[in-house]
Structure formats: C-alpha cells, structure tokens
Amino acid sequence: MRRILWGRATSSNVMKVIWTLEELQLPYERIDVGGSYGKTDTPEYRAMNPTGLVPTLQEDNFTLWESNAICRYLCHAHAPHSKLWPQDPRARAYVDHWMDAQQTCLNRYITTIFWGLVRTPADKRDMAAIRQAIKDCAGVWRMVSDELAKHPYLGGADLTLADVPWGPHLHRWFNMDFERPEIPHLRAWYDRLLQRPAYKQHLGGPVV
C-alpha cells in the first residue's frame, strides 16, 4: 500500500494527522501543498479534495479529507486495538467529543491570535481583536484544565485522539509572544506531550 499525506507540515490540521501516523508507526509519504506551496486549486487536487484545503490522505485508490476523520480512520483501519481510539463505545464517544470541541470551542480564538501575531506584520495587527481572543482562548483552556484535573490526558490515563486536535494549538499558545495567564494543569499537560518524540519533532518546532 502506498500512503500519501498531502499538506504542508506547518498546518495545524496536517500536524494532527502526522502525529497520529507517527504514534501508530504507519509509513507514509508527505507532499507539500497549501499555503505558500499552492497547488490546492488545481483540478487534480480538487478531484481528491473539493474543499481545496489540507490535509488529504491517499491510500492506493482510497482518498479521505478532513483531519479528524482521517485520524479516526487511521486508528480504525490500521490499529483497531490502539489506545488512541478505544473500542468501548462510551470511551470512544468521550474521545470524540473532545476532538470536536477543539474545532467548535477553540479554533476561532487561537486562529485570531496566531494569524494576528505570527502571520500579520506588526503595523497591520488588530491588537484589540488579539487581546480579546487571548482572553476568550484562556477561558477555553480553563475548561480543558478542569478536565485535566481528573486525569493526565483529555481522554483519561493514556494519550488518545482526544489530545491530538488540541496539541498543535497548545504548542502555539505557549510559544507565541504575548502574556498569558497561569492556568492550572495546562503546562504539565504540554510537558507530558513534549516527552513524546512524535509530538516534539512534528508539533514542537518554531511557530511559523
């Protein structure tokens, strides 16, 4: 089987899939598309992924897009007994709701901070919007902290896919240039993730 991941390594959504692939020790090739690489508007790419976004996964003649769906598929298809996505229906649903909560609760705020401070020139930044996003983002992280008070990872005692969508943004939160409030349990969670080679290598680099 030839497995190809389409997407640039600096995309948070691509990072999720890379981390999952690495944790499961699944071989893959990665092709840079999106962002400065372009190529997502070509007819060939749109035939694979009509959204024109990244990532896209190809396995021989099977194609899948949407990062959370890809992560779940990889576990279900290739590592059904992995702790990353437990088989018990309630444990799996518990993981799933934390996966999706990253997109519904955190994504808008952390994206405002990231694009404002990292991708926007200083003289063009909307600092009022960035400050409000930091405040709103901290509220979401406090919700996460309340869960982490109960166990080391979002899904329980072990790393699961519940942690994966939050991982890229957690690294950005601690490494972007702004004053952030102290939030219990958050730094300890981040430090635990950094102890995992795949996280440190693929998600723990410069914030760009």
N, C-alpha and C. Protein backbone atom coordinates (compact mmCIF):
# COMPACT_ATOMS: atom_id res chain seq x y z
N MET A 1 0.84 -1.20 0.00
CA MET A 1 0.00 0.00 0.00
C MET A 1 0.87 1.25 0.00
N ARG A 2 0.53 2.19 -0.86
CA ARG A 2 1.21 3.48 -0.85
C ARG A 2 0.31 4.49 -0.14
N ARG A 3 0.84 5.10 0.91
CA ARG A 3 0.08 6.06 1.71
C ARG A 3 0.70 7.44 1.52
N ILE A 4 -0.10 8.40 1.07
CA ILE A 4 0.39 9.76 0.83
C ILE A 4 -0.44 10.74 1.64
N LEU A 5 0.23 11.63 2.34
CA LEU A 5 -0.42 12.72 3.05
C LEU A 5 -0.10 14.01 2.31
N TRP A 6 -1.13 14.66 1.82
CA TRP A 6 -0.98 15.93 1.12
C TRP A 6 -1.19 17.07 2.11
N GLY A 7 -0.20 17.95 2.23
CA GLY A 7 -0.35 19.10 3.11
C GLY A 7 0.98 19.54 3.67
N ARG A 8 1.12 20.82 3.89
CA ARG A 8 2.36 21.38 4.43
C ARG A 8 2.47 21.08 5.92
N ALA A 9 3.69 20.91 6.39
CA ALA A 9 3.92 20.49 7.77
C ALA A 9 3.61 21.58 8.78
N THR A 10 3.46 22.84 8.33
CA THR A 10 3.18 23.95 9.25
C THR A 10 1.68 24.15 9.49
N SER A 11 0.84 23.36 8.83
CA SER A 11 -0.60 23.44 9.05
C SER A 11 -0.99 22.66 10.30
N SER A 12 -1.75 23.28 11.18
CA SER A 12 -2.16 22.58 12.40
C SER A 12 -2.99 21.34 12.09
N ASN A 13 -3.81 21.39 11.05
CA ASN A 13 -4.62 20.23 10.70
C ASN A 13 -3.78 19.10 10.12
N VAL A 14 -2.74 19.45 9.38
CA VAL A 14 -1.82 18.43 8.88
C VAL A 14 -1.03 17.83 10.05
N MET A 15 -0.65 18.69 11.00
CA MET A 15 0.09 18.21 12.17
C MET A 15 -0.67 17.12 12.91
N LYS A 16 -1.99 17.26 13.03
CA LYS A 16 -2.79 16.24 13.70
C LYS A 16 -2.57 14.86 13.06
N VAL A 17 -2.62 14.85 11.73
CA VAL A 17 -2.52 13.58 11.02
C VAL A 17 -1.11 13.03 11.09
N ILE A 18 -0.12 13.91 10.96
CA ILE A 18 1.27 13.46 11.10
C ILE A 18 1.48 12.82 12.47
N TRP A 19 1.01 13.47 13.51
CA TRP A 19 1.18 12.94 14.87
C TRP A 19 0.52 11.58 15.01
N THR A 20 -0.68 11.44 14.46
CA THR A 20 -1.38 10.15 14.53
C THR A 20 -0.62 9.07 13.77
N LEU A 21 -0.19 9.39 12.57
CA LEU A 21 0.59 8.42 11.78
C LEU A 21 1.85 7.98 12.52
N GLU A 22 2.53 8.94 13.13
CA GLU A 22 3.77 8.63 13.84
C GLU A 22 3.51 7.80 15.09
N GLU A 23 2.48 8.14 15.83
CA GLU A 23 2.15 7.36 17.04
C GLU A 23 1.79 5.92 16.68
N LEU A 24 1.13 5.74 15.54
CA LEU A 24 0.74 4.39 15.10
C LEU A 24 1.85 3.70 14.32
N GLN A 25 2.93 4.42 14.06
CA GLN A 25 4.09 3.89 13.32
C GLN A 25 3.66 3.38 11.94
N LEU A 26 2.84 4.16 11.27
CA LEU A 26 2.39 3.83 9.92
C LEU A 26 3.27 4.56 8.91
N PRO A 27 3.84 3.87 7.95
CA PRO A 27 4.68 4.54 6.95
C PRO A 27 3.84 5.42 6.03
N TYR A 28 4.43 6.52 5.60
CA TYR A 28 3.70 7.45 4.72
C TYR A 28 4.69 8.36 4.00
N GLU A 29 4.24 8.90 2.90
CA GLU A 29 4.94 9.99 2.23
C GLU A 29 4.12 11.26 2.45
N ARG A 30 4.80 12.39 2.49
CA ARG A 30 4.08 13.65 2.62
C ARG A 30 4.49 14.56 1.47
N ILE A 31 3.49 15.20 0.85
CA ILE A 31 3.72 16.12 -0.25
C ILE A 31 3.25 17.50 0.17
N ASP A 32 4.13 18.50 0.03
CA ASP A 32 3.81 19.87 0.42
C ASP A 32 2.81 20.48 -0.55
N VAL A 33 1.65 20.83 -0.04
CA VAL A 33 0.67 21.64 -0.78
C VAL A 33 0.01 22.56 0.23
N GLY A 34 -0.61 23.63 -0.27
CA GLY A 34 -1.28 24.58 0.59
C GLY A 34 -0.35 25.68 1.04
N GLY A 35 -0.93 26.80 1.48
CA GLY A 35 -0.12 27.92 1.91
C GLY A 35 0.77 28.43 0.78
N SER A 36 2.02 28.68 1.10
CA SER A 36 2.96 29.20 0.11
C SER A 36 3.26 28.19 -1.00
N TYR A 37 2.96 26.92 -0.76
CA TYR A 37 3.20 25.89 -1.78
C TYR A 37 2.12 25.88 -2.86
N GLY A 38 0.94 26.40 -2.52
CA GLY A 38 -0.14 26.40 -3.50
C GLY A 38 -0.57 24.99 -3.86
N LYS A 39 -1.02 24.83 -5.11
CA LYS A 39 -1.39 23.55 -5.74
C LYS A 39 -2.72 22.98 -5.27
N THR A 40 -3.39 23.63 -4.30
CA THR A 40 -4.67 23.09 -3.84
C THR A 40 -5.84 23.52 -4.71
N ASP A 41 -5.60 24.46 -5.64
CA ASP A 41 -6.65 24.89 -6.55
C ASP A 41 -6.56 24.20 -7.91
N THR A 42 -5.65 23.28 -8.05
CA THR A 42 -5.52 22.58 -9.33
C THR A 42 -6.67 21.59 -9.50
N PRO A 43 -7.05 21.30 -10.73
CA PRO A 43 -8.11 20.30 -10.95
C PRO A 43 -7.76 18.95 -10.33
N GLU A 44 -6.48 18.59 -10.37
CA GLU A 44 -6.07 17.29 -9.83
C GLU A 44 -6.30 17.23 -8.32
N TYR A 45 -5.92 18.32 -7.62
CA TYR A 45 -6.12 18.30 -6.16
C TYR A 45 -7.60 18.39 -5.82
N ARG A 46 -8.34 19.24 -6.53
CA ARG A 46 -9.77 19.38 -6.24
C ARG A 46 -10.53 18.10 -6.52
N ALA A 47 -10.01 17.27 -7.42
CA ALA A 47 -10.64 15.97 -7.66
C ALA A 47 -10.50 15.07 -6.44
N MET A 48 -9.41 15.24 -5.69
CA MET A 48 -9.23 14.48 -4.44
C MET A 48 -9.99 15.11 -3.30
N ASN A 49 -9.93 16.44 -3.22
CA ASN A 49 -10.49 17.17 -2.09
C ASN A 49 -11.18 18.42 -2.60
N PRO A 50 -12.49 18.39 -2.74
CA PRO A 50 -13.22 19.52 -3.33
C PRO A 50 -13.18 20.78 -2.48
N THR A 51 -12.79 20.68 -1.22
CA THR A 51 -12.70 21.88 -0.37
C THR A 51 -11.48 22.73 -0.71
N GLY A 52 -10.47 22.13 -1.33
CA GLY A 52 -9.24 22.85 -1.60
C GLY A 52 -8.41 23.11 -0.36
N LEU A 53 -8.69 22.38 0.71
CA LEU A 53 -7.96 22.55 1.97
C LEU A 53 -7.01 21.38 2.18
N VAL A 54 -6.22 21.46 3.23
CA VAL A 54 -5.35 20.36 3.63
C VAL A 54 -5.73 19.96 5.05
N PRO A 55 -5.50 18.67 5.39
CA PRO A 55 -4.81 17.62 4.64
C PRO A 55 -5.76 16.78 3.79
N THR A 56 -5.14 15.99 2.92
CA THR A 56 -5.83 14.92 2.19
C THR A 56 -4.97 13.67 2.33
N LEU A 57 -5.63 12.56 2.59
CA LEU A 57 -4.94 11.27 2.69
C LEU A 57 -5.29 10.40 1.49
N GLN A 58 -4.29 9.80 0.91
CA GLN A 58 -4.49 8.80 -0.14
C GLN A 58 -3.88 7.48 0.29
N GLU A 59 -4.66 6.42 0.14
CA GLU A 59 -4.15 5.05 0.29
C GLU A 59 -4.56 4.29 -0.95
N ASP A 60 -3.59 4.09 -1.85
CA ASP A 60 -3.90 3.49 -3.14
C ASP A 60 -5.05 4.27 -3.80
N ASN A 61 -6.19 3.64 -4.06
CA ASN A 61 -7.29 4.34 -4.73
C ASN A 61 -8.32 4.91 -3.76
N PHE A 62 -8.02 4.93 -2.46
CA PHE A 62 -8.92 5.48 -1.44
C PHE A 62 -8.43 6.87 -1.04
N THR A 63 -9.34 7.83 -1.01
CA THR A 63 -8.99 9.22 -0.67
C THR A 63 -9.92 9.72 0.44
N LEU A 64 -9.34 10.46 1.39
CA LEU A 64 -10.11 10.96 2.52
C LEU A 64 -9.61 12.34 2.90
N TRP A 65 -10.53 13.25 3.21
CA TRP A 65 -10.15 14.57 3.71
C TRP A 65 -10.93 14.87 4.98
N GLU A 66 -10.56 15.95 5.64
CA GLU A 66 -10.97 16.35 6.99
C GLU A 66 -10.09 15.65 8.03
N SER A 67 -9.33 16.46 8.75
CA SER A 67 -8.26 15.92 9.62
C SER A 67 -8.78 14.98 10.70
N ASN A 68 -9.86 15.34 11.39
CA ASN A 68 -10.35 14.45 12.45
C ASN A 68 -10.82 13.13 11.87
N ALA A 69 -11.49 13.18 10.72
CA ALA A 69 -11.95 11.95 10.07
C ALA A 69 -10.76 11.08 9.68
N ILE A 70 -9.70 11.70 9.20
CA ILE A 70 -8.51 10.94 8.82
C ILE A 70 -7.90 10.26 10.04
N CYS A 71 -7.78 10.98 11.15
CA CYS A 71 -7.19 10.39 12.36
C CYS A 71 -8.01 9.20 12.85
N ARG A 72 -9.33 9.34 12.83
CA ARG A 72 -10.18 8.24 13.26
C ARG A 72 -10.05 7.06 12.31
N TYR A 73 -10.05 7.33 11.04
CA TYR A 73 -9.92 6.26 10.05
C TYR A 73 -8.62 5.48 10.25
N LEU A 74 -7.51 6.20 10.43
CA LEU A 74 -6.22 5.52 10.59
C LEU A 74 -6.24 4.56 11.78
N CYS A 75 -6.83 5.00 12.87
CA CYS A 75 -6.92 4.12 14.04
C CYS A 75 -7.83 2.93 13.77
N HIS A 76 -8.99 3.21 13.21
CA HIS A 76 -9.97 2.14 12.99
C HIS A 76 -9.47 1.12 11.98
N ALA A 77 -8.85 1.59 10.91
CA ALA A 77 -8.45 0.70 9.82
C ALA A 77 -7.15 -0.03 10.09
N HIS A 78 -6.23 0.62 10.78
CA HIS A 78 -4.87 0.08 10.87
C HIS A 78 -4.40 -0.25 12.28
N ALA A 79 -5.12 0.23 13.29
CA ALA A 79 -4.71 -0.05 14.68
C ALA A 79 -5.95 -0.14 15.56
N PRO A 80 -6.84 -1.08 15.28
CA PRO A 80 -8.13 -1.13 15.99
C PRO A 80 -8.01 -1.36 17.49
N HIS A 81 -6.87 -1.86 17.94
CA HIS A 81 -6.70 -2.10 19.37
C HIS A 81 -5.82 -1.04 20.04
N SER A 82 -5.49 0.00 19.29
CA SER A 82 -4.69 1.07 19.87
C SER A 82 -5.49 1.84 20.92
N LYS A 83 -4.79 2.32 21.94
CA LYS A 83 -5.44 3.15 22.96
C LYS A 83 -5.80 4.53 22.42
N LEU A 84 -5.27 4.88 21.27
CA LEU A 84 -5.56 6.21 20.72
C LEU A 84 -7.05 6.42 20.47
N TRP A 85 -7.74 5.37 20.05
CA TRP A 85 -9.19 5.46 19.81
C TRP A 85 -9.84 4.20 20.34
N PRO A 86 -10.20 4.20 21.62
CA PRO A 86 -10.65 2.97 22.28
C PRO A 86 -11.89 2.39 21.63
N GLN A 87 -12.04 1.07 21.77
CA GLN A 87 -13.16 0.37 21.13
C GLN A 87 -14.47 0.51 21.91
N ASP A 88 -14.37 0.63 23.21
CA ASP A 88 -15.60 0.77 24.01
C ASP A 88 -16.40 1.97 23.51
N PRO A 89 -17.69 1.82 23.22
CA PRO A 89 -18.46 2.90 22.61
C PRO A 89 -18.47 4.19 23.43
N ARG A 90 -18.59 4.08 24.74
CA ARG A 90 -18.64 5.29 25.55
C ARG A 90 -17.27 5.95 25.66
N ALA A 91 -16.23 5.13 25.80
CA ALA A 91 -14.88 5.70 25.83
C ALA A 91 -14.56 6.37 24.50
N ARG A 92 -14.98 5.75 23.40
CA ARG A 92 -14.74 6.34 22.08
C ARG A 92 -15.52 7.64 21.92
N ALA A 93 -16.77 7.66 22.34
CA ALA A 93 -17.57 8.88 22.25
C ALA A 93 -16.97 10.00 23.10
N TYR A 94 -16.42 9.63 24.25
CA TYR A 94 -15.76 10.61 25.12
C TYR A 94 -14.57 11.24 24.41
N VAL A 95 -13.79 10.41 23.73
CA VAL A 95 -12.67 10.92 22.93
C VAL A 95 -13.20 11.82 21.82
N ASP A 96 -14.24 11.38 21.15
CA ASP A 96 -14.77 12.12 20.01
C ASP A 96 -15.26 13.51 20.40
N HIS A 97 -15.92 13.61 21.55
CA HIS A 97 -16.46 14.94 21.86
C HIS A 97 -15.35 15.94 22.19
N TRP A 98 -14.23 15.46 22.74
CA TRP A 98 -13.10 16.36 22.95
C TRP A 98 -12.39 16.69 21.64
N MET A 99 -12.33 15.75 20.73
CA MET A 99 -11.76 16.06 19.41
C MET A 99 -12.54 17.18 18.75
N ASP A 100 -13.84 17.05 18.73
CA ASP A 100 -14.67 18.04 18.03
C ASP A 100 -14.76 19.36 18.78
N ALA A 101 -14.63 19.31 20.11
CA ALA A 101 -14.69 20.55 20.89
C ALA A 101 -13.55 21.50 20.55
N GLN A 102 -12.40 20.94 20.14
CA GLN A 102 -11.30 21.83 19.74
C GLN A 102 -11.75 22.72 18.58
N GLN A 103 -12.46 22.15 17.63
CA GLN A 103 -12.88 22.93 16.48
C GLN A 103 -13.99 23.91 16.82
N THR A 104 -14.93 23.49 17.65
CA THR A 104 -16.07 24.35 17.94
C THR A 104 -15.78 25.40 19.00
N CYS A 105 -14.89 25.09 19.94
CA CYS A 105 -14.66 26.00 21.08
C CYS A 105 -13.39 26.83 20.96
N LEU A 106 -12.31 26.24 20.46
CA LEU A 106 -11.00 26.90 20.50
C LEU A 106 -10.58 27.54 19.18
N ASN A 107 -10.96 26.93 18.08
CA ASN A 107 -10.33 27.23 16.80
C ASN A 107 -10.39 28.70 16.42
N ARG A 108 -11.54 29.32 16.58
CA ARG A 108 -11.69 30.72 16.15
C ARG A 108 -10.76 31.64 16.93
N TYR A 109 -10.65 31.43 18.24
CA TYR A 109 -9.83 32.32 19.07
C TYR A 109 -8.34 32.13 18.83
N ILE A 110 -7.89 30.87 18.81
CA ILE A 110 -6.46 30.63 18.64
C ILE A 110 -6.02 31.02 17.24
N THR A 111 -6.90 30.91 16.26
CA THR A 111 -6.56 31.33 14.91
C THR A 111 -6.39 32.85 14.83
N THR A 112 -7.25 33.58 15.54
CA THR A 112 -7.11 35.05 15.58
C THR A 112 -5.77 35.45 16.18
N ILE A 113 -5.35 34.79 17.25
CA ILE A 113 -4.06 35.09 17.87
C ILE A 113 -2.91 34.73 16.94
N PHE A 114 -2.97 33.52 16.40
CA PHE A 114 -1.88 33.03 15.55
C PHE A 114 -1.71 33.88 14.30
N TRP A 115 -2.79 34.11 13.59
CA TRP A 115 -2.69 34.92 12.37
C TRP A 115 -2.34 36.36 12.69
N GLY A 116 -2.85 36.85 13.81
CA GLY A 116 -2.55 38.24 14.18
C GLY A 116 -1.11 38.47 14.57
N LEU A 117 -0.53 37.53 15.33
CA LEU A 117 0.82 37.74 15.86
C LEU A 117 1.91 37.11 14.99
N VAL A 118 1.59 36.07 14.25
CA VAL A 118 2.62 35.33 13.51
C VAL A 118 2.57 35.63 12.02
N ARG A 119 1.39 35.73 11.47
CA ARG A 119 1.26 35.85 10.02
C ARG A 119 0.96 37.29 9.55
N THR A 120 0.78 38.22 10.47
CA THR A 120 0.42 39.60 10.11
C THR A 120 1.54 40.55 10.53
N PRO A 121 2.00 41.45 9.65
CA PRO A 121 3.01 42.44 10.03
C PRO A 121 2.55 43.28 11.22
N ALA A 122 3.51 43.69 12.05
CA ALA A 122 3.18 44.38 13.30
C ALA A 122 2.32 45.62 13.08
N ASP A 123 2.58 46.36 12.00
CA ASP A 123 1.85 47.61 11.79
C ASP A 123 0.43 47.39 11.26
N LYS A 124 0.07 46.14 10.98
CA LYS A 124 -1.26 45.86 10.47
C LYS A 124 -2.09 45.00 11.42
N ARG A 125 -1.59 44.78 12.62
CA ARG A 125 -2.29 43.91 13.57
C ARG A 125 -3.46 44.63 14.23
N ASP A 126 -4.52 43.88 14.42
CA ASP A 126 -5.67 44.37 15.18
C ASP A 126 -5.48 43.91 16.62
N MET A 127 -4.78 44.75 17.40
CA MET A 127 -4.41 44.33 18.75
C MET A 127 -5.62 44.17 19.67
N ALA A 128 -6.66 44.95 19.43
CA ALA A 128 -7.87 44.80 20.25
C ALA A 128 -8.48 43.42 20.04
N ALA A 129 -8.54 42.98 18.79
CA ALA A 129 -9.09 41.65 18.49
C ALA A 129 -8.20 40.56 19.06
N ILE A 130 -6.89 40.77 18.99
CA ILE A 130 -5.95 39.77 19.51
C ILE A 130 -6.08 39.65 21.02
N ARG A 131 -6.15 40.80 21.70
CA ARG A 131 -6.30 40.77 23.16
C ARG A 131 -7.60 40.08 23.58
N GLN A 132 -8.68 40.35 22.87
CA GLN A 132 -9.95 39.70 23.19
C GLN A 132 -9.86 38.20 22.93
N ALA A 133 -9.18 37.81 21.84
CA ALA A 133 -9.03 36.39 21.52
C ALA A 133 -8.21 35.67 22.58
N ILE A 134 -7.18 36.34 23.11
CA ILE A 134 -6.37 35.74 24.19
C ILE A 134 -7.26 35.49 25.41
N LYS A 135 -8.10 36.47 25.74
CA LYS A 135 -9.00 36.31 26.88
C LYS A 135 -9.98 35.16 26.65
N ASP A 136 -10.56 35.12 25.45
CA ASP A 136 -11.52 34.06 25.14
C ASP A 136 -10.84 32.69 25.10
N CYS A 137 -9.64 32.67 24.54
CA CYS A 137 -8.89 31.42 24.45
C CYS A 137 -8.56 30.89 25.84
N ALA A 138 -8.18 31.77 26.72
CA ALA A 138 -7.87 31.36 28.09
C ALA A 138 -9.08 30.72 28.76
N GLY A 139 -10.27 31.22 28.45
CA GLY A 139 -11.48 30.61 29.00
C GLY A 139 -11.65 29.18 28.54
N VAL A 140 -11.33 28.92 27.28
CA VAL A 140 -11.42 27.56 26.76
C VAL A 140 -10.37 26.68 27.41
N TRP A 141 -9.15 27.20 27.56
CA TRP A 141 -8.10 26.42 28.19
C TRP A 141 -8.44 26.10 29.65
N ARG A 142 -9.17 26.99 30.31
CA ARG A 142 -9.58 26.69 31.70
C ARG A 142 -10.58 25.54 31.72
N MET A 143 -11.44 25.47 30.71
CA MET A 143 -12.34 24.33 30.60
C MET A 143 -11.55 23.04 30.42
N VAL A 144 -10.53 23.09 29.58
CA VAL A 144 -9.65 21.93 29.38
C VAL A 144 -8.93 21.58 30.68
N SER A 145 -8.46 22.60 31.38
CA SER A 145 -7.76 22.39 32.64
C SER A 145 -8.64 21.66 33.66
N ASP A 146 -9.92 22.01 33.69
CA ASP A 146 -10.83 21.34 34.62
C ASP A 146 -10.88 19.84 34.34
N GLU A 147 -10.82 19.48 33.06
CA GLU A 147 -10.81 18.07 32.70
C GLU A 147 -9.48 17.42 33.07
N LEU A 148 -8.40 18.15 32.84
CA LEU A 148 -7.07 17.62 33.14
C LEU A 148 -6.82 17.47 34.63
N ALA A 149 -7.63 18.12 35.45
CA ALA A 149 -7.53 17.93 36.90
C ALA A 149 -7.93 16.51 37.31
N LYS A 150 -8.67 15.82 36.41
CA LYS A 150 -9.18 14.49 36.73
C LYS A 150 -8.23 13.38 36.27
N HIS A 151 -7.43 13.64 35.23
CA HIS A 151 -6.55 12.61 34.69
C HIS A 151 -5.47 13.26 33.83
N PRO A 152 -4.40 12.56 33.50
CA PRO A 152 -3.25 13.19 32.83
C PRO A 152 -3.52 13.68 31.42
N TYR A 153 -4.44 13.03 30.72
CA TYR A 153 -4.74 13.38 29.33
C TYR A 153 -6.23 13.64 29.19
N LEU A 154 -6.62 14.28 28.10
CA LEU A 154 -8.03 14.64 27.97
C LEU A 154 -8.95 13.44 27.95
N GLY A 155 -8.49 12.33 27.35
CA GLY A 155 -9.33 11.15 27.27
C GLY A 155 -9.22 10.21 28.45
N GLY A 156 -8.32 10.51 29.39
CA GLY A 156 -8.15 9.63 30.54
C GLY A 156 -6.70 9.47 30.93
N ALA A 157 -6.32 8.24 31.30
CA ALA A 157 -4.97 7.99 31.80
C ALA A 157 -3.93 7.92 30.69
N ASP A 158 -4.37 7.67 29.45
CA ASP A 158 -3.46 7.49 28.33
C ASP A 158 -3.71 8.53 27.25
N LEU A 159 -2.70 8.74 26.43
CA LEU A 159 -2.86 9.58 25.25
C LEU A 159 -3.91 8.96 24.33
N THR A 160 -4.84 9.78 23.84
CA THR A 160 -5.84 9.34 22.87
C THR A 160 -5.99 10.42 21.81
N LEU A 161 -6.85 10.15 20.85
CA LEU A 161 -7.15 11.16 19.84
C LEU A 161 -7.81 12.39 20.45
N ALA A 162 -8.29 12.30 21.67
CA ALA A 162 -8.83 13.50 22.32
C ALA A 162 -7.78 14.59 22.44
N ASP A 163 -6.53 14.21 22.64
CA ASP A 163 -5.45 15.18 22.79
C ASP A 163 -4.96 15.75 21.46
N VAL A 164 -5.13 14.97 20.40
CA VAL A 164 -4.45 15.28 19.14
C VAL A 164 -4.86 16.62 18.53
N PRO A 165 -6.16 16.93 18.40
CA PRO A 165 -6.50 18.21 17.78
C PRO A 165 -6.05 19.43 18.59
N TRP A 166 -5.93 19.28 19.89
CA TRP A 166 -5.50 20.39 20.74
C TRP A 166 -4.00 20.60 20.71
N GLY A 167 -3.25 19.53 20.39
CA GLY A 167 -1.80 19.57 20.51
C GLY A 167 -1.11 20.68 19.75
N PRO A 168 -1.41 20.90 18.45
CA PRO A 168 -0.73 21.97 17.73
C PRO A 168 -0.99 23.34 18.33
N HIS A 169 -2.20 23.56 18.81
CA HIS A 169 -2.58 24.87 19.34
C HIS A 169 -2.02 25.09 20.75
N LEU A 170 -1.87 24.01 21.48
CA LEU A 170 -1.25 24.10 22.80
C LEU A 170 0.20 24.57 22.67
N HIS A 171 0.91 24.02 21.69
CA HIS A 171 2.28 24.46 21.45
C HIS A 171 2.32 25.93 21.03
N ARG A 172 1.44 26.34 20.17
CA ARG A 172 1.39 27.73 19.76
C ARG A 172 1.06 28.64 20.93
N TRP A 173 0.14 28.23 21.77
CA TRP A 173 -0.26 29.04 22.93
C TRP A 173 0.94 29.35 23.81
N PHE A 174 1.78 28.37 24.04
CA PHE A 174 2.92 28.58 24.95
C PHE A 174 4.14 29.20 24.26
N ASN A 175 4.10 29.33 22.94
CA ASN A 175 5.30 29.80 22.26
C ASN A 175 5.10 31.04 21.40
N MET A 176 3.91 31.60 21.40
CA MET A 176 3.72 32.89 20.76
C MET A 176 4.05 34.00 21.74
N ASP A 177 4.34 35.17 21.22
CA ASP A 177 4.85 36.29 22.03
C ASP A 177 3.72 37.14 22.58
N PHE A 178 3.18 36.72 23.72
CA PHE A 178 2.18 37.52 24.43
C PHE A 178 2.15 37.04 25.88
N GLU A 179 1.60 37.86 26.74
CA GLU A 179 1.46 37.48 28.15
C GLU A 179 0.22 36.62 28.30
N ARG A 180 0.42 35.46 28.91
CA ARG A 180 -0.69 34.53 29.07
C ARG A 180 -0.93 34.26 30.55
N PRO A 181 -2.17 34.07 30.94
CA PRO A 181 -2.45 33.79 32.35
C PRO A 181 -1.99 32.39 32.73
N GLU A 182 -1.70 32.22 34.01
CA GLU A 182 -1.39 30.89 34.52
C GLU A 182 -2.69 30.08 34.61
N ILE A 183 -2.68 28.92 34.01
CA ILE A 183 -3.86 28.06 34.02
C ILE A 183 -3.44 26.70 34.57
N PRO A 184 -4.03 26.27 35.67
CA PRO A 184 -3.60 25.00 36.28
C PRO A 184 -3.69 23.84 35.30
N HIS A 185 -2.72 22.94 35.41
CA HIS A 185 -2.68 21.67 34.69
C HIS A 185 -2.28 21.79 33.21
N LEU A 186 -2.34 23.00 32.66
CA LEU A 186 -2.09 23.14 31.23
C LEU A 186 -0.62 22.93 30.88
N ARG A 187 0.27 23.57 31.64
CA ARG A 187 1.70 23.41 31.37
C ARG A 187 2.16 21.97 31.60
N ALA A 188 1.63 21.32 32.64
CA ALA A 188 2.01 19.93 32.90
C ALA A 188 1.57 19.02 31.76
N TRP A 189 0.40 19.28 31.20
CA TRP A 189 -0.07 18.52 30.04
C TRP A 189 0.85 18.75 28.85
N TYR A 190 1.18 20.00 28.59
CA TYR A 190 2.10 20.33 27.49
C TYR A 190 3.44 19.63 27.69
N ASP A 191 3.96 19.65 28.91
CA ASP A 191 5.24 18.99 29.17
C ASP A 191 5.15 17.48 28.94
N ARG A 192 4.02 16.88 29.29
CA ARG A 192 3.84 15.44 29.04
C ARG A 192 3.84 15.16 27.54
N LEU A 193 3.19 16.01 26.78
CA LEU A 193 3.16 15.80 25.33
C LEU A 193 4.55 15.96 24.73
N LEU A 194 5.32 16.90 25.23
CA LEU A 194 6.67 17.10 24.71
C LEU A 194 7.59 15.92 24.97
N GLN A 195 7.23 15.07 25.91
CA GLN A 195 8.03 13.87 26.17
C GLN A 195 7.81 12.80 25.10
N ARG A 196 6.80 12.99 24.27
CA ARG A 196 6.53 12.04 23.20
C ARG A 196 7.33 12.47 21.97
N PRO A 197 8.21 11.62 21.44
CA PRO A 197 9.08 12.01 20.33
C PRO A 197 8.33 12.56 19.13
N ALA A 198 7.19 11.97 18.78
CA ALA A 198 6.45 12.42 17.60
C ALA A 198 5.90 13.82 17.80
N TYR A 199 5.43 14.10 18.99
CA TYR A 199 4.91 15.45 19.26
C TYR A 199 6.04 16.48 19.23
N LYS A 200 7.12 16.17 19.91
CA LYS A 200 8.23 17.11 19.97
C LYS A 200 8.80 17.40 18.59
N GLN A 201 8.93 16.36 17.77
CA GLN A 201 9.54 16.53 16.46
C GLN A 201 8.63 17.25 15.49
N HIS A 202 7.37 16.89 15.47
CA HIS A 202 6.49 17.37 14.39
C HIS A 202 5.58 18.51 14.79
N LEU A 203 5.36 18.71 16.08
CA LEU A 203 4.49 19.79 16.53
C LEU A 203 5.23 20.80 17.40
N GLY A 204 6.41 20.45 17.88
CA GLY A 204 7.10 21.27 18.86
C GLY A 204 8.18 22.20 18.28
N GLY A 205 8.12 22.46 16.99
CA GLY A 205 9.12 23.31 16.36
C GLY A 205 8.77 24.78 16.40
N PRO A 206 9.48 25.60 15.62
CA PRO A 206 9.20 27.04 15.58
C PRO A 206 7.76 27.31 15.16
N VAL A 207 7.17 28.33 15.73
CA VAL A 207 5.79 28.72 15.38
C VAL A 207 5.86 29.66 14.19
N VAL A 208 5.46 29.18 13.04
CA VAL A 208 5.55 29.97 11.80
C VAL A 208 4.25 29.88 11.01
